């Protein structure tokens, strides 16, 4: 069900803060944004970028920071739905990074699931993926 305007605004504050923390290279923000549960799950765009819990997410972010000089994430589109104390965001974004002295940019798609605990929304699951580059627009399957 489509989230009401208040829920959408509150949830998007948290999602934007997550991307700001990543862009600002601030893994210390993770405990404020994510549930403290040991089964919090994240998936990134890399084949090995998946883990459970804040410490594994921190290690993943720190690896990304070590392999880049800068990074940004800009949301291009989003949709927010909610049911009770759970909300989920689907988004398209553009990731930019400076790595190895070169600048790269690529699209990502994401799903972020949040749970309301008290008066705060916290991220319980995050999944970012890159669209299949070999799949042409209008086609249902990659051509290669």
Protein backbone atom coordinates (compact mmCIF):
# COMPACT_ATOMS: atom_id res chain seq x y z
CA UNK A 1 0.00 0.00 0.00
CA UNK A 2 1.28 3.47 -0.87
CA UNK A 3 2.65 5.22 2.21
CA UNK A 4 0.98 8.39 3.43
CA UNK A 5 2.90 11.65 2.99
CA UNK A 6 4.15 11.74 6.60
CA UNK A 7 5.50 8.18 6.49
CA UNK A 8 7.09 8.74 3.09
CA UNK A 9 8.86 11.89 4.31
CA UNK A 10 10.12 10.21 7.50
CA UNK A 11 11.34 7.12 5.67
CA UNK A 12 13.08 9.10 2.93
CA UNK A 13 14.96 11.13 5.55
CA UNK A 14 16.54 7.86 6.75
CA UNK A 15 17.28 6.57 3.23
CA UNK A 16 18.85 9.91 2.25
CA UNK A 17 20.90 9.91 5.46
CA UNK A 18 22.22 6.46 4.59
CA UNK A 19 23.43 7.68 1.19
CA UNK A 20 24.81 10.89 2.75
CA UNK A 21 26.72 8.84 5.34
CA UNK A 22 28.17 6.71 2.55
CA UNK A 23 29.12 9.78 0.50
CA UNK A 24 30.64 11.38 3.60
CA UNK A 25 32.57 8.17 4.36
CA UNK A 26 30.96 7.95 7.78
CA UNK A 27 30.48 4.34 8.95
CA UNK A 28 29.91 5.62 12.50
CA UNK A 29 26.39 6.64 11.36
CA UNK A 30 25.38 3.01 10.74
CA UNK A 31 24.07 2.27 14.27
CA UNK A 32 21.81 5.33 14.10
CA UNK A 33 20.31 4.29 10.74
CA UNK A 34 20.06 0.49 10.94
CA UNK A 35 18.32 -1.89 13.33
CA UNK A 36 20.77 -3.32 15.88
CA UNK A 37 19.49 -6.83 15.17
CA UNK A 38 22.03 -9.54 14.33
CA UNK A 39 19.95 -10.55 11.27
CA UNK A 40 19.94 -7.14 9.53
CA UNK A 41 20.80 -8.02 5.90
CA UNK A 42 22.45 -6.04 3.12
CA UNK A 43 23.31 -6.79 -0.50
CA UNK A 44 25.53 -4.60 -2.67
CA UNK A 45 26.26 -4.49 -6.38
CA UNK A 46 29.39 -6.66 -6.20
CA UNK A 47 29.20 -10.45 -6.40
CA UNK A 48 30.64 -10.76 -2.87
CA UNK A 49 28.88 -7.76 -1.33
CA UNK A 50 26.44 -9.34 1.06
CA UNK A 51 26.35 -9.69 4.78
CA UNK A 52 24.46 -9.79 8.00
CA UNK A 53 24.72 -7.31 10.86
CA UNK A 54 26.17 -3.85 11.39
CA UNK A 55 29.79 -5.00 11.71
CA UNK A 56 29.76 -6.76 8.33
CA UNK A 57 28.13 -3.69 6.76
CA UNK A 58 30.77 -1.46 8.37
CA UNK A 59 33.51 -3.69 6.91
CA UNK A 60 31.88 -3.49 3.47
CA UNK A 61 31.66 0.30 3.60
CA UNK A 62 35.26 0.59 4.82
CA UNK A 63 36.40 -1.61 1.92
CA UNK A 64 34.59 0.69 -0.51
CA UNK A 65 36.21 3.74 1.11
CA UNK A 66 39.66 2.15 0.88
CA UNK A 67 39.15 1.49 -2.83
CA UNK A 68 37.97 5.01 -3.71
CA UNK A 69 38.83 8.61 -3.15
CA UNK A 70 35.19 9.82 -3.22
CA UNK A 71 31.69 8.53 -3.88
CA UNK A 72 28.18 9.92 -4.24
CA UNK A 73 24.72 8.42 -4.54
CA UNK A 74 21.92 10.48 -6.06
CA UNK A 75 18.36 9.16 -6.00
CA UNK A 76 16.66 9.66 -9.37
CA UNK A 77 13.27 8.12 -8.54
CA UNK A 78 11.62 6.43 -5.58
CA UNK A 79 8.38 4.87 -4.41
CA UNK A 80 7.48 4.30 -0.75
CA UNK A 81 4.92 1.78 0.52
CA UNK A 82 4.02 0.85 4.09
CA UNK A 83 1.93 -1.45 6.22
CA UNK A 84 1.82 -0.82 9.94
CA UNK A 85 5.33 -0.44 11.34
CA UNK A 86 7.07 -1.62 8.15
CA UNK A 87 7.90 0.50 5.09
CA UNK A 88 9.76 -0.33 1.93
CA UNK A 89 11.40 1.94 -0.60
CA UNK A 90 12.13 1.06 -4.19
CA UNK A 91 14.54 3.41 -5.93
CA UNK A 92 16.68 4.17 -8.93
CA UNK A 93 19.89 6.06 -8.25
CA UNK A 94 23.15 7.04 -9.85
CA UNK A 95 26.43 6.20 -8.13
CA UNK A 96 29.49 8.27 -8.90
CA UNK A 97 32.96 7.50 -7.63
CA UNK A 98 36.54 8.48 -8.02
CA UNK A 99 38.68 5.39 -7.90
CA UNK A 100 42.26 4.88 -8.98
CA UNK A 101 42.40 8.42 -10.33
CA UNK A 102 39.42 7.95 -12.67
CA UNK A 103 35.80 8.93 -12.35
CA UNK A 104 33.07 6.36 -12.86
CA UNK A 105 29.29 6.55 -12.84
CA UNK A 106 26.70 3.79 -13.00
CA UNK A 107 22.99 3.26 -12.33
CA UNK A 108 21.73 1.21 -9.41
CA UNK A 109 18.37 -0.04 -8.31
CA UNK A 110 17.59 -0.47 -4.68
CA UNK A 111 15.14 -1.74 -2.14
CA UNK A 112 15.32 -0.59 1.45
CA UNK A 113 13.06 -2.10 4.12
CA UNK A 114 12.55 -0.11 7.30
CA UNK A 115 10.88 -0.85 10.61
CA UNK A 116 9.39 1.75 12.92
CA UNK A 117 10.72 1.34 16.44
CA UNK A 118 9.26 3.85 18.83
CA UNK A 119 9.28 7.14 16.95
CA UNK A 120 12.22 6.19 14.66
CA UNK A 121 12.39 4.43 11.31
CA UNK A 122 15.41 2.10 11.07
CA UNK A 123 16.72 0.13 8.11
CA UNK A 124 16.29 -3.63 8.46
CA UNK A 125 17.36 -4.62 4.94
CA UNK A 126 19.15 -2.90 2.07
CA UNK A 127 19.65 -4.27 -1.43
CA UNK A 128 21.40 -2.42 -4.26
CA UNK A 129 21.89 -3.93 -7.70
CA UNK A 130 23.03 -2.83 -11.12
CA UNK A 131 20.70 -3.35 -14.09
CA UNK A 132 21.90 -5.98 -16.58
CA UNK A 133 24.10 -4.03 -19.00
CA UNK A 134 23.73 -6.67 -21.74
CA UNK A 135 19.95 -6.40 -21.70
CA UNK A 136 18.70 -3.91 -24.27
CA UNK A 137 15.73 -1.65 -23.60
CA UNK A 138 12.48 -3.38 -24.53
CA UNK A 139 14.02 -6.83 -24.17
CA UNK A 140 13.22 -9.28 -21.37
CA UNK A 141 16.53 -11.15 -21.54
CA UNK A 142 20.20 -10.17 -21.83
CA UNK A 143 21.52 -10.55 -25.39
CA UNK A 144 24.89 -11.92 -24.26
